[in-house]
Each structure stands twice: as C-alpha cells, then as structure tokens.
C-alpha atoms as a PDB file:
ATOM      1  CA  MET A   1      -6.299  30.628   0.271  1.00  0.00           C
ATOM      2  CA  ARG A   2      -5.950  28.093   3.042  1.00  0.00           C
ATOM      3  CA  TYR A   3      -4.164  24.777   2.619  1.00  0.00           C
ATOM      4  CA  PHE A   4      -3.610  21.601   4.605  1.00  0.00           C
ATOM      5  CA  ILE A   5      -0.012  20.409   4.533  1.00  0.00           C
ATOM      6  CA  TYR A   6       0.631  16.715   5.224  1.00  0.00           C
ATOM      7  CA  ILE A   7       3.988  16.088   6.890  1.00  0.00           C
ATOM      8  CA  SER A   8       5.941  13.072   8.126  1.00  0.00           C
ATOM      9  CA  TYR A   9       8.935  13.247  10.424  1.00  0.00           C
ATOM     10  CA  ALA A  10      11.305  11.385  12.705  1.00  0.00           C
ATOM     11  CA  GLY A  11      11.137  13.220  16.001  1.00  0.00           C
ATOM     12  CA  THR A  12      14.428  12.003  17.481  1.00  0.00           C
ATOM     13  CA  ASN A  13      16.336  15.249  16.979  1.00  0.00           C
ATOM     14  CA  TYR A  14      13.539  17.654  17.911  1.00  0.00           C
ATOM     15  CA  CYS A  15      11.926  19.071  21.050  1.00  0.00           C
ATOM     16  CA  GLY A  16       8.515  18.107  19.668  1.00  0.00           C
ATOM     17  CA  TRP A  17       6.043  19.521  17.178  1.00  0.00           C
ATOM     18  CA  GLN A  18       5.328  22.863  18.805  1.00  0.00           C
ATOM     19  CA  VAL A  19       7.702  25.822  18.783  1.00  0.00           C
ATOM     20  CA  GLN A  20       9.707  25.926  22.027  1.00  0.00           C
ATOM     21  CA  PRO A  21      12.105  28.562  23.390  1.00  0.00           C
ATOM     22  CA  ASN A  22      14.750  25.985  24.329  1.00  0.00           C
ATOM     23  CA  GLY A  23      14.948  23.676  21.340  1.00  0.00           C
ATOM     24  CA  VAL A  24      14.309  23.135  17.638  1.00  0.00           C
ATOM     25  CA  SER A  25      10.784  21.972  16.769  1.00  0.00           C
ATOM     26  CA  ILE A  26       9.165  20.460  13.686  1.00  0.00           C
ATOM     27  CA  GLN A  27       6.765  23.397  13.426  1.00  0.00           C
ATOM     28  CA  GLU A  28       9.664  25.858  13.434  1.00  0.00           C
ATOM     29  CA  MET A  29      11.490  24.023  10.655  1.00  0.00           C
ATOM     30  CA  VAL A  30       8.429  23.849   8.394  1.00  0.00           C
ATOM     31  CA  GLU A  31       7.487  27.486   9.027  1.00  0.00           C
ATOM     32  CA  LYS A  32      11.020  28.627   8.170  1.00  0.00           C
ATOM     33  CA  ALA A  33      11.023  26.615   4.945  1.00  0.00           C
ATOM     34  CA  LEU A  34       7.598  27.912   3.886  1.00  0.00           C
ATOM     35  CA  SER A  35       8.560  31.497   4.725  1.00  0.00           C
ATOM     36  CA  THR A  36      11.792  31.210   2.733  1.00  0.00           C
ATOM     37  CA  ILE A  37      10.037  29.917  -0.360  1.00  0.00           C
ATOM     38  CA  LEU A  38       6.931  32.110  -0.210  1.00  0.00           C
ATOM     39  CA  GLN A  39       8.948  35.181   0.841  1.00  0.00           C
ATOM     40  CA  TYR A  40       6.725  36.268   3.720  1.00  0.00           C
ATOM     41  CA  GLU A  41       6.256  35.028   7.278  1.00  0.00           C
ATOM     42  CA  VAL A  42       4.125  31.893   7.364  1.00  0.00           C
ATOM     43  CA  ASN A  43       2.553  30.468  10.510  1.00  0.00           C
ATOM     44  CA  ILE A  44       1.193  26.932  10.553  1.00  0.00           C
ATOM     45  CA  VAL A  45      -1.299  25.327  12.954  1.00  0.00           C
ATOM     46  CA  GLY A  46      -0.969  21.591  13.565  1.00  0.00           C
ATOM     47  CA  ALA A  47      -3.616  18.971  14.221  1.00  0.00           C
ATOM     48  CA  GLY A  48      -2.042  18.484  17.632  1.00  0.00           C
ATOM     49  CA  ARG A  49       1.326  18.425  19.313  1.00  0.00           C
ATOM     50  CA  THR A  50       3.779  15.572  19.616  1.00  0.00           C
ATOM     51  CA  ASP A  51       6.316  15.517  22.441  1.00  0.00           C
ATOM     52  CA  ALA A  52      10.094  15.451  22.140  1.00  0.00           C
ATOM     53  CA  GLY A  53      11.303  12.301  20.413  1.00  0.00           C
ATOM     54  CA  VAL A  54       7.842  11.274  19.120  1.00  0.00           C
ATOM     55  CA  HIS A  55       7.490  10.535  15.404  1.00  0.00           C
ATOM     56  CA  ALA A  56       4.741  11.126  12.843  1.00  0.00           C
ATOM     57  CA  ARG A  57       4.016   9.153   9.723  1.00  0.00           C
ATOM     58  CA  LEU A  58       1.327  11.758   9.107  1.00  0.00           C
ATOM     59  CA  MET A  59       0.839  15.138  10.755  1.00  0.00           C
ATOM     60  CA  VAL A  60      -1.544  17.704   9.278  1.00  0.00           C
ATOM     61  CA  ALA A  61      -1.249  21.471   9.613  1.00  0.00           C
ATOM     62  CA  HIS A  62      -2.926  24.430   7.933  1.00  0.00           C
ATOM     63  CA  PHE A  63      -1.448  27.639   6.549  1.00  0.00           C
ATOM     64  CA  ASP A  64      -2.665  30.603   4.513  1.00  0.00           C
ATOM     65  CA  ALA A  65      -1.168  31.602   1.153  1.00  0.00           C
ATOM     66  CA  TYR A  66      -1.511  35.132  -0.210  1.00  0.00           C
ATOM     67  CA  ASN A  67      -0.540  36.765  -3.495  1.00  0.00           C
ATOM     68  CA  LEU A  68       2.371  34.646  -4.600  1.00  0.00           C
ATOM     69  CA  ASN A  69       4.909  34.755  -7.387  1.00  0.00           C
ATOM     70  CA  LEU A  70       5.855  31.102  -7.099  1.00  0.00           C
ATOM     71  CA  THR A  71       4.117  30.038 -10.301  1.00  0.00           C
ATOM     72  CA  GLY A  72       0.882  31.947 -10.041  1.00  0.00           C
ATOM     73  CA  PHE A  73      -2.121  31.878  -7.732  1.00  0.00           C
ATOM     74  CA  PRO A  74      -3.475  29.525  -6.498  1.00  0.00           C
ATOM     75  CA  ILE A  75      -0.097  28.015  -5.731  1.00  0.00           C
ATOM     76  CA  ASP A  76       1.443  25.198  -7.718  1.00  0.00           C
ATOM     77  CA  ARG A  77       1.171  22.627  -4.947  1.00  0.00           C
ATOM     78  CA  GLN A  78       3.463  20.042  -6.536  1.00  0.00           C
ATOM     79  CA  ASN A  79       6.138  22.661  -7.121  1.00  0.00           C
ATOM     80  CA  LEU A  80       5.856  23.948  -3.556  1.00  0.00           C
ATOM     81  CA  THR A  81       6.028  20.393  -2.159  1.00  0.00           C
ATOM     82  CA  ALA A  82       9.204  19.711  -4.159  1.00  0.00           C
ATOM     83  CA  LYS A  83      10.820  22.977  -3.051  1.00  0.00           C
ATOM     84  CA  LEU A  84       9.981  22.311   0.596  1.00  0.00           C
ATOM     85  CA  ASN A  85      11.444  18.808   0.463  1.00  0.00           C
ATOM     86  CA  SER A  86      14.664  20.125  -1.055  1.00  0.00           C
ATOM     87  CA  LEU A  87      14.973  22.696   1.751  1.00  0.00           C
ATOM     88  CA  LEU A  88      13.862  20.656   4.776  1.00  0.00           C
ATOM     89  CA  PRO A  89      16.281  18.303   6.587  1.00  0.00           C
ATOM     90  CA  LYS A  90      16.241  14.593   5.779  1.00  0.00           C
ATOM     91  CA  ASP A  91      14.126  13.713   8.840  1.00  0.00           C
ATOM     92  CA  ILE A  92      11.166  15.909   7.798  1.00  0.00           C
ATOM     93  CA  ALA A  93       9.177  15.334   4.592  1.00  0.00           C
ATOM     94  CA  VAL A  94       6.134  16.999   3.040  1.00  0.00           C
ATOM     95  CA  GLN A  95       3.796  14.436   1.514  1.00  0.00           C
ATOM     96  CA  ARG A  96       1.252  16.720  -0.135  1.00  0.00           C
ATOM     97  CA  ILE A  97      -0.516  20.080   0.052  1.00  0.00           C
ATOM     98  CA  VAL A  98      -4.303  20.223  -0.292  1.00  0.00           C
ATOM     99  CA  PRO A  99      -6.624  23.248  -0.715  1.00  0.00           C
ATOM    100  CA  VAL A 100      -9.322  23.600   1.945  1.00  0.00           C
ATOM    101  CA  ILE A 101     -12.125  26.033   2.710  1.00  0.00           C
ATOM    102  CA  PRO A 102     -11.070  29.340   4.353  1.00  0.00           C
ATOM    103  CA  GLU A 103     -12.529  28.312   7.736  1.00  0.00           C
ATOM    104  CA  ALA A 104     -10.839  24.878   7.852  1.00  0.00           C
ATOM    105  CA  HIS A 105      -8.802  24.244  10.991  1.00  0.00           C
ATOM    106  CA  ALA A 106      -6.258  21.432  11.222  1.00  0.00           C
ATOM    107  CA  ARG A 107      -6.857  20.930  14.937  1.00  0.00           C
ATOM    108  CA  PHE A 108     -10.517  21.700  15.564  1.00  0.00           C
ATOM    109  CA  ASP A 109     -11.934  20.096  12.404  1.00  0.00           C
ATOM    110  CA  ALA A 110     -10.195  16.750  12.891  1.00  0.00           C
ATOM    111  CA  VAL A 111     -12.718  13.989  13.627  1.00  0.00           C
ATOM    112  CA  SER A 112     -10.197  11.309  14.595  1.00  0.00           C
ATOM    113  CA  ARG A 113      -6.530  10.726  15.221  1.00  0.00           C
ATOM    114  CA  THR A 114      -4.661   7.433  15.185  1.00  0.00           C
ATOM    115  CA  TYR A 115      -1.430   6.584  16.999  1.00  0.00           C
ATOM    116  CA  GLU A 116       0.782   3.521  16.960  1.00  0.00           C
ATOM    117  CA  TYR A 117       3.222   2.431  19.647  1.00  0.00           C
ATOM    118  CA  TRP A 118       5.982   0.037  18.592  1.00  0.00           C
ATOM    119  CA  VAL A 119       7.730  -2.459  20.871  1.00  0.00           C
ATOM    120  CA  THR A 120      10.185  -5.271  20.325  1.00  0.00           C
ATOM    121  CA  CYS A 121      10.809  -8.252  22.600  1.00  0.00           C
ATOM    122  CA  CYS A 122      14.374  -8.882  21.465  1.00  0.00           C
ATOM    123  CA  LYS A 123      17.540  -6.945  20.749  1.00  0.00           C
ATOM    124  CA  ASN A 124      17.208  -5.539  17.239  1.00  0.00           C
ATOM    125  CA  PRO A 125      19.729  -3.009  15.905  1.00  0.00           C
ATOM    126  CA  PHE A 126      17.253  -1.892  13.248  1.00  0.00           C
ATOM    127  CA  LEU A 127      14.602  -0.968  15.822  1.00  0.00           C
ATOM    128  CA  ASN A 128      16.778   0.527  18.563  1.00  0.00           C
ATOM    129  CA  ASP A 129      15.743   4.103  17.745  1.00  0.00           C
ATOM    130  CA  TRP A 130      12.206   3.311  16.645  1.00  0.00           C
ATOM    131  CA  ALA A 131      10.679   0.946  19.195  1.00  0.00           C
ATOM    132  CA  ALA A 132      10.726   0.352  22.947  1.00  0.00           C
ATOM    133  CA  ARG A 133      12.246  -2.870  24.288  1.00  0.00           C
ATOM    134  CA  VAL A 134      10.021  -5.033  26.497  1.00  0.00           C
ATOM    135  CA  ARG A 135      10.476  -8.371  28.281  1.00  0.00           C
ATOM    136  CA  SER A 136      10.170 -11.438  26.067  1.00  0.00           C
ATOM    137  CA  ASP A 137       7.571 -12.959  28.404  1.00  0.00           C
ATOM    138  CA  ILE A 138       5.253  -9.941  28.451  1.00  0.00           C
ATOM    139  CA  ASP A 139       1.620 -11.060  28.047  1.00  0.00           C
ATOM    140  CA  PHE A 140       0.067  -9.284  25.046  1.00  0.00           C
ATOM    141  CA  GLY A 141      -3.158 -11.244  25.521  1.00  0.00           C
ATOM    142  CA  LYS A 142      -3.751  -9.668  28.934  1.00  0.00           C
ATOM    143  CA  MET A 143      -2.697  -6.293  27.568  1.00  0.00           C
ATOM    144  CA  ASN A 144      -5.346  -6.575  24.877  1.00  0.00           C
ATOM    145  CA  GLN A 145      -7.990  -7.503  27.442  1.00  0.00           C
ATOM    146  CA  ALA A 146      -7.064  -4.390  29.407  1.00  0.00           C
ATOM    147  CA  ALA A 147      -6.999  -2.249  26.243  1.00  0.00           C
ATOM    148  CA  GLU A 148     -10.575  -3.326  25.462  1.00  0.00           C
ATOM    149  CA  ILE A 149     -11.669  -1.646  28.711  1.00  0.00           C
ATOM    150  CA  LEU A 150     -10.585   1.732  27.309  1.00  0.00           C
ATOM    151  CA  LEU A 151     -13.492   1.635  24.851  1.00  0.00           C
ATOM    152  CA  HIS A 152     -15.992   1.647  27.729  1.00  0.00           C
ATOM    153  CA  HIS A 153     -14.728   4.823  29.417  1.00  0.00           C
ATOM    154  CA  SER A 154     -14.493   8.475  28.413  1.00  0.00           C
ATOM    155  CA  ASP A 155     -12.657  10.315  31.213  1.00  0.00           C
ATOM    156  CA  PHE A 156      -8.926   9.644  30.944  1.00  0.00           C
ATOM    157  CA  THR A 157      -7.592  11.996  33.607  1.00  0.00           C
ATOM    158  CA  SER A 158      -5.464   9.126  34.938  1.00  0.00           C
ATOM    159  CA  PHE A 159      -3.506   9.114  31.673  1.00  0.00           C
ATOM    160  CA  SER A 160      -3.174  12.873  31.196  1.00  0.00           C
ATOM    161  CA  LYS A 161      -0.181  15.108  31.811  1.00  0.00           C
ATOM    162  CA  LEU A 162      -0.883  17.205  34.902  1.00  0.00           C
ATOM    163  CA  HIS A 163      -1.818  20.909  34.837  1.00  0.00           C
ATOM    164  CA  THR A 164      -2.799  21.161  31.181  1.00  0.00           C
ATOM    165  CA  ASP A 165      -5.104  23.904  29.907  1.00  0.00           C
ATOM    166  CA  VAL A 166      -7.793  21.675  28.316  1.00  0.00           C
ATOM    167  CA  LYS A 167     -11.456  22.144  29.274  1.00  0.00           C
ATOM    168  CA  THR A 168     -12.216  18.430  29.505  1.00  0.00           C
ATOM    169  CA  ASN A 169     -10.331  15.146  29.856  1.00  0.00           C
ATOM    170  CA  ASN A 170     -13.029  13.221  28.005  1.00  0.00           C
ATOM    171  CA  CYS A 171     -12.072  11.328  24.835  1.00  0.00           C
ATOM    172  CA  ASN A 172     -13.991   8.830  22.731  1.00  0.00           C
ATOM    173  CA  ILE A 173     -11.714   5.875  21.964  1.00  0.00           C
ATOM    174  CA  ALA A 174     -12.927   3.869  18.971  1.00  0.00           C
ATOM    175  CA  TYR A 175     -10.139   1.288  18.723  1.00  0.00           C
ATOM    176  CA  ALA A 176      -7.299   0.047  20.930  1.00  0.00           C
ATOM    177  CA  LYS A 177      -5.426  -3.188  20.226  1.00  0.00           C
ATOM    178  CA  TRP A 178      -1.981  -4.817  20.155  1.00  0.00           C
ATOM    179  CA  ILE A 179      -1.110  -6.530  16.852  1.00  0.00           C
ATOM    180  CA  GLN A 180       2.027  -8.514  15.995  1.00  0.00           C
ATOM    181  CA  ASN A 181       3.849  -7.210  12.927  1.00  0.00           C
ATOM    182  CA  ASP A 182       6.935  -9.238  11.991  1.00  0.00           C
ATOM    183  CA  GLU A 183       9.571  -8.665  14.699  1.00  0.00           C
ATOM    184  CA  LYS A 184       7.608  -6.013  16.559  1.00  0.00           C
ATOM    185  CA  TRP A 185       4.285  -5.591  18.332  1.00  0.00           C
ATOM    186  CA  VAL A 186       2.220  -2.507  17.516  1.00  0.00           C
ATOM    187  CA  PHE A 187      -0.389  -0.913  19.766  1.00  0.00           C
ATOM    188  CA  CYS A 188      -2.901   0.925  17.570  1.00  0.00           C
ATOM    189  CA  ILE A 189      -5.302   3.400  19.175  1.00  0.00           C
ATOM    190  CA  GLN A 190      -7.840   5.709  17.523  1.00  0.00           C
ATOM    191  CA  ALA A 191      -9.911   8.430  19.195  1.00  0.00           C
ATOM    192  CA  ASP A 192     -11.572  11.727  18.446  1.00  0.00           C
ATOM    193  CA  ARG A 193      -8.935  13.484  20.565  1.00  0.00           C
ATOM    194  CA  PHE A 194      -6.030  12.686  22.877  1.00  0.00           C
ATOM    195  CA  LEU A 195      -4.734  14.336  26.039  1.00  0.00           C
ATOM    196  CA  ARG A 196      -1.116  15.365  26.572  1.00  0.00           C
ATOM    197  CA  ASN A 197       1.032  12.255  27.117  1.00  0.00           C
ATOM    198  CA  MET A 198      -2.100  10.072  27.040  1.00  0.00           C
ATOM    199  CA  VAL A 199      -0.944   7.297  24.705  1.00  0.00           C
ATOM    200  CA  ARG A 200       2.443   6.884  26.387  1.00  0.00           C
ATOM    201  CA  ALA A 201       0.763   6.765  29.820  1.00  0.00           C
ATOM    202  CA  ILE A 202      -1.737   4.147  28.619  1.00  0.00           C
ATOM    203  CA  VAL A 203       1.031   2.030  27.092  1.00  0.00           C
ATOM    204  CA  GLY A 204       3.200   2.311  30.208  1.00  0.00           C
ATOM    205  CA  THR A 205       0.282   1.120  32.333  1.00  0.00           C
ATOM    206  CA  LEU A 206      -0.482  -1.702  29.902  1.00  0.00           C
ATOM    207  CA  PHE A 207       3.144  -2.807  30.305  1.00  0.00           C
ATOM    208  CA  GLU A 208       2.420  -3.257  34.023  1.00  0.00           C
ATOM    209  CA  VAL A 209      -0.541  -5.490  33.139  1.00  0.00           C
ATOM    210  CA  GLY A 210       1.586  -7.500  30.698  1.00  0.00           C
ATOM    211  CA  ASN A 211       4.385  -7.878  33.226  1.00  0.00           C
ATOM    212  CA  GLY A 212       2.006  -9.069  35.956  1.00  0.00           C
ATOM    213  CA  LYS A 213       2.502  -6.057  38.226  1.00  0.00           C
ATOM    214  CA  ILE A 214      -1.193  -5.162  38.113  1.00  0.00           C
ATOM    215  CA  SER A 215      -4.325  -7.091  37.112  1.00  0.00           C
ATOM    216  CA  ILE A 216      -6.812  -6.286  34.375  1.00  0.00           C
ATOM    217  CA  GLU A 217      -9.224  -5.257  37.132  1.00  0.00           C
ATOM    218  CA  ASP A 218      -6.575  -2.941  38.567  1.00  0.00           C
ATOM    219  CA  PHE A 219      -6.258  -1.296  35.139  1.00  0.00           C
ATOM    220  CA  GLU A 220      -9.953  -0.358  35.178  1.00  0.00           C
ATOM    221  CA  THR A 221      -9.654   0.850  38.768  1.00  0.00           C
ATOM    222  CA  ILE A 222      -6.866   3.181  37.632  1.00  0.00           C
ATOM    223  CA  ILE A 223      -9.105   4.646  34.918  1.00  0.00           C
ATOM    224  CA  ARG A 224     -11.933   5.202  37.402  1.00  0.00           C
ATOM    225  CA  ALA A 225      -9.558   6.856  39.899  1.00  0.00           C
ATOM    226  CA  LYS A 226      -9.003   9.862  37.587  1.00  0.00           C
ATOM    227  CA  ASP A 227      -5.580  10.285  39.160  1.00  0.00           C
ATOM    228  CA  ARG A 228      -2.354  10.321  37.117  1.00  0.00           C
ATOM    229  CA  CYS A 229      -0.382   9.167  40.156  1.00  0.00           C
ATOM    230  CA  LYS A 230      -2.244   5.833  40.096  1.00  0.00           C
ATOM    231  CA  ALA A 231      -1.186   4.966  36.532  1.00  0.00           C
ATOM    232  CA  GLY A 232       2.134   3.605  35.316  1.00  0.00           C
ATOM    233  CA  THR A 233       5.214   5.419  34.070  1.00  0.00           C
ATOM    234  CA  SER A 234       4.943   6.812  30.541  1.00  0.00           C
ATOM    235  CA  ALA A 235       6.437   4.576  27.871  1.00  0.00           C
ATOM    236  CA  PRO A 236       9.524   5.944  26.049  1.00  0.00           C
ATOM    237  CA  ALA A 237       8.859   8.581  23.379  1.00  0.00           C
ATOM    238  CA  LYS A 238      10.804   6.800  20.640  1.00  0.00           C
ATOM    239  CA  GLY A 239       8.123   4.105  20.208  1.00  0.00           C
ATOM    240  CA  LEU A 240       5.227   6.498  19.540  1.00  0.00           C
ATOM    241  CA  TYR A 241       3.960   7.473  16.077  1.00  0.00           C
ATOM    242  CA  LEU A 242       1.103   9.703  14.960  1.00  0.00           C
ATOM    243  CA  VAL A 243      -0.096   7.812  11.881  1.00  0.00           C
ATOM    244  CA  ASP A 244      -3.356   9.395  10.709  1.00  0.00           C
ATOM    245  CA  VAL A 245      -5.655  12.392  11.116  1.00  0.00           C
ATOM    246  CA  LEU A 246      -9.104  12.334   9.488  1.00  0.00           C
ATOM    247  CA  TYR A 247     -11.366  15.234   8.466  1.00  0.00           C
ATOM    248  CA  PRO A 248     -14.902  15.561   7.104  1.00  0.00           C
ATOM    249  CA  ALA A 249     -15.074  15.896   3.339  1.00  0.00           C
ATOM    250  CA  THR A 250     -16.733  19.299   3.723  1.00  0.00           C
ATOM    251  CA  VAL A 251     -13.450  21.031   4.690  1.00  0.00           C
ATOM    252  CA  PHE A 252     -11.786  20.276   1.359  1.00  0.00           C
ATOM    253  CA  GLU A 253     -12.082  22.437  -1.746  1.00  0.00           C
ATOM    254  CA  VAL A 254     -13.799  20.593  -4.587  1.00  0.00           C
END
C-alpha cells in the first residue's frame, strides 16, 4: 500500500530536503527511521525540495509499505507515527500518515504549494534563527504593489536557479502578499509549482523595491527580462517556510 506522510521540520541543521552526498538531509533522516521500524529499506518521494536552512511546517512525501509485522496490515498509522517521532531528532516531526491510491505521487499530484517568508524590522532574540532582518523603513506597501504583478505573469526564469533540469519555467501564482503578524511581516505565496530558489529570489527582489533601489515598474521589467542576473540577491534561507501542499481528493483512499 502507498501512504502520504506529513512532516514538519526546522531546516537549520540540514543540507535541505533531498539526499546529498556531502551533508545530512531531512529525506535521509526520515528514510532511515522508516527503514529501522519497518525492517526493510524504505524510499520516500517528497512533494518538492527545500534548500539548506529552509523550514517546513508541512512537507508531504509518499512511501510504499509491504507485508509488515508492526501490528498487522494495513499498517497501524498512529502507532507508526508515534514510533517515528520517538526515533527522529527533535527538529523533525511526523504529523500524520494517510493511505492513498497506489498511483498517488507526492510531487506530481500536488495541485498547489504555499510558502511563507518571515521578516522582522527590529532586533528580536526569539526570531533570530527564524526570520530575516530588514530595515525598519522598508516600504511593505510598495512591496505588495510589486507582488501583485506576479499574478499577471507565468514565466519566472528571472527568479529561477540557473541550469536546472526542469522542462518549463512557467508557474501559475494564485496569491502573493505581505501581511503583518505581531512583530513580524509574512510574505505568503501560493502557486501550482515553484522553481528552484524562486521564492527567495522573489523576496530578495521585493526587498530592493521596499528599500527604494528599484521601482515597481523595474520589478515588472525584471520579470519580462527572463534573466536571473537582472533580479535581486536571494533572501536568506532561514526566513523561508513551506507551509502547505494540496492534493485532489481522488488520490486519497476512502
């Protein structure tokens, strides 16, 4: 049987989601824990990849379970969740495990993904590791005007990591807005898919709008240029969070 596993993690101590030869990844840690408990090698496929230092309030991955002796078959999902959380380090948590149809794919079946980017305008010891620091006079109003432009474009080559293996740089952005939340500002962006480094590149370029280095018109010119060199520097990884991944109801077992 195939299952979706819903995971949250703080990415500070990891080289990212995907298994890497030169560092410890989230995927590696979860696969090791699953393999230890289920007593055979388990491979998981995530809804996407997050870079080193990026966090996830919700990442989804799929894995296949075979003839198990855990507590019978199908698996006892609550029992497996509890065992995983006792084995995984404190900065990785399994929220739930859900049965899906055999063909379900965590990456290709996702219909939308939502990210948040956190910033703070003042020194805050409780946000040092979780949000980027920006100037107190940064103009969030102008940044929101620029963010609105994203909804009217589909090719985001200017905000993509160079030399990736994707077939297209087109994405459909449904929502992009800065919202104040207590002592921090949060940029929320939802799309059907995202390119490598896309959100951090967008945020870094929005910072230039907010700081008066470029105009709102310049921001649209950068999008139209389809050239990563025209956009701003990527915002720091520590402020970025994957917060939701949505799927059609048809992939879930009734």
